Protein backbone atom coordinates (compact mmCIF):
# COMPACT_ATOMS: atom_id res chain seq x y z
CA UNK A 1 1.22 -62.48 8.20
CA UNK A 2 2.87 -61.22 11.40
CA UNK A 3 6.18 -59.44 11.12
CA UNK A 4 8.81 -59.96 13.76
CA UNK A 5 9.36 -56.38 14.70
CA UNK A 6 10.98 -55.43 17.93
CA UNK A 7 9.05 -52.97 20.01
CA UNK A 8 10.77 -49.65 20.39
CA UNK A 9 11.78 -48.64 23.87
CA UNK A 10 10.99 -44.96 24.46
CA UNK A 11 12.81 -42.73 26.99
CA UNK A 12 11.46 -39.50 28.37
CA UNK A 13 13.56 -36.32 28.22
CA UNK A 14 13.82 -36.23 32.04
CA UNK A 15 15.38 -39.66 32.04
CA UNK A 16 17.86 -38.72 29.29
CA UNK A 17 18.88 -35.71 31.36
CA UNK A 18 19.57 -37.86 34.36
CA UNK A 19 22.20 -39.79 32.45
CA UNK A 20 24.75 -36.98 32.20
CA UNK A 21 27.63 -38.32 34.20
CA UNK A 22 30.77 -40.26 33.38
CA UNK A 23 29.39 -43.39 34.99
CA UNK A 24 26.09 -43.14 33.03
CA UNK A 25 26.31 -41.17 29.78
CA UNK A 26 23.34 -41.22 27.45
CA UNK A 27 23.04 -39.04 24.31
CA UNK A 28 20.34 -38.23 21.84
CA UNK A 29 21.25 -38.28 18.13
CA UNK A 30 18.29 -37.63 15.86
CA UNK A 31 15.76 -38.79 18.43
CA UNK A 32 17.60 -42.03 19.02
CA UNK A 33 19.00 -42.68 22.55
CA UNK A 34 22.45 -44.10 22.94
CA UNK A 35 24.13 -45.35 26.14
CA UNK A 36 27.76 -44.44 25.51
CA UNK A 37 28.88 -45.06 29.09
CA UNK A 38 31.13 -48.01 28.10
CA UNK A 39 32.41 -46.20 24.97
CA UNK A 40 33.81 -43.11 26.69
CA UNK A 41 37.41 -44.35 26.97
CA UNK A 42 37.35 -45.81 23.43
CA UNK A 43 36.04 -42.65 21.69
CA UNK A 44 38.74 -41.49 19.24
CA UNK A 45 37.92 -37.83 19.96
CA UNK A 46 38.36 -38.33 23.71
CA UNK A 47 35.85 -39.01 26.43
CA UNK A 48 35.37 -35.30 27.14
CA UNK A 49 33.58 -34.85 23.85
CA UNK A 50 30.92 -37.40 24.82
CA UNK A 51 30.73 -36.21 28.48
CA UNK A 52 29.88 -32.68 27.24
CA UNK A 53 26.96 -34.04 25.25
CA UNK A 54 25.77 -36.52 27.89
CA UNK A 55 22.20 -36.02 28.91
CA UNK A 56 21.43 -33.93 25.89
CA UNK A 57 21.23 -33.66 22.10
CA UNK A 58 24.42 -34.59 20.27
CA UNK A 59 22.86 -34.53 16.75
CA UNK A 60 24.56 -31.38 15.53
CA UNK A 61 27.91 -32.21 17.06
CA UNK A 62 27.75 -35.75 15.64
CA UNK A 63 26.90 -34.46 12.17
CA UNK A 64 29.46 -31.65 12.21
CA UNK A 65 32.31 -34.01 12.83
CA UNK A 66 31.59 -36.02 9.70
CA UNK A 67 31.77 -39.45 11.19
CA UNK A 68 32.77 -42.29 8.90
CA UNK A 69 30.36 -45.01 7.73
CA UNK A 70 32.06 -47.38 10.16
CA UNK A 71 31.49 -44.98 13.03
CA UNK A 72 27.83 -44.61 12.09
CA UNK A 73 27.44 -48.37 11.95
CA UNK A 74 29.11 -48.60 15.33
CA UNK A 75 26.39 -46.48 16.91
CA UNK A 76 23.95 -49.39 16.48
CA UNK A 77 25.83 -51.22 19.26
CA UNK A 78 25.01 -48.48 21.77
CA UNK A 79 21.37 -47.78 20.70
CA UNK A 80 18.98 -48.37 23.60
CA UNK A 81 15.79 -46.76 22.30
CA UNK A 82 14.20 -43.52 21.09
CA UNK A 83 13.19 -40.20 22.54
CA UNK A 84 9.50 -40.33 23.45
CA UNK A 85 7.41 -38.68 20.68
CA UNK A 86 5.81 -36.37 23.20
CA UNK A 87 9.25 -34.95 24.13
CA UNK A 88 10.62 -34.47 20.66
CA UNK A 89 8.87 -31.15 19.99
CA UNK A 90 9.76 -29.83 23.35
CA UNK A 91 13.34 -30.96 23.03
CA UNK A 92 13.69 -29.34 19.63
CA UNK A 93 12.21 -26.07 20.94
CA UNK A 94 14.70 -26.09 23.75
CA UNK A 95 17.56 -26.38 21.35
CA UNK A 96 16.48 -23.39 19.22
CA UNK A 97 18.26 -20.14 20.06
CA UNK A 98 16.02 -17.73 21.92
CA UNK A 99 14.42 -14.87 20.01
CA UNK A 100 15.70 -11.63 21.34
CA UNK A 101 13.69 -8.49 20.75
CA UNK A 102 15.71 -5.39 21.30
CA UNK A 103 13.79 -2.43 22.37
CA UNK A 104 15.22 0.84 21.22
CA UNK A 105 15.56 3.54 23.79
CA UNK A 106 16.25 6.17 21.22
CA UNK A 107 13.56 8.73 20.73
CA UNK A 108 11.62 9.53 17.61
CA UNK A 109 14.07 12.18 16.44
CA UNK A 110 16.87 9.72 15.87
CA UNK A 111 14.52 7.53 13.83
CA UNK A 112 12.90 10.31 11.76
CA UNK A 113 14.55 13.69 12.09
CA UNK A 114 18.16 12.64 11.43
CA UNK A 115 17.30 10.74 8.18
CA UNK A 116 15.03 13.63 7.13
CA UNK A 117 17.81 16.22 7.72
CA UNK A 118 20.25 14.00 5.79
CA UNK A 119 17.83 13.78 2.89
CA UNK A 120 17.26 17.52 2.77
CA UNK A 121 21.03 18.09 2.93
CA UNK A 122 21.61 15.82 0.00
CA UNK A 123 18.77 17.51 -1.96
CA UNK A 124 20.15 21.03 -1.27
CA UNK A 125 23.67 19.95 -2.25
CA UNK A 126 22.34 18.46 -5.46
CA UNK A 127 20.46 21.66 -6.33
CA UNK A 128 23.57 23.78 -5.60
CA UNK A 129 25.80 21.67 -7.77
CA UNK A 130 23.15 21.21 -10.50
CA UNK A 131 22.54 25.01 -10.63
CA UNK A 132 26.27 25.63 -11.26
CA UNK A 133 26.40 23.40 -14.33
């Protein structure tokens, strides 16, 4: 029993990135590739919104806006394929914010001596006030 299933067209990340102009605008939304070139002027939020996302991942921007059911249904008209599985992990990594490790240039005294002195001061003040009562 053979099922009539359309074969998915996969696009590589490099190809998606090449379509980042007004004349050819492709976007990735949840690993699905959409050619929105002909939709730019019709987009209710303005064409600049789509041009900013062209050639890249628009998943977060699309979800944040809270598109209607009709708008989500309309995306099917512009669907041309999916992001190649080999590029999905790399693409997701490139979207993560970089991990920044700050190296402290302060010396050991600011990390150990100042808290130790503060602790001793609090202990002495406590003993002074506790001895008076």
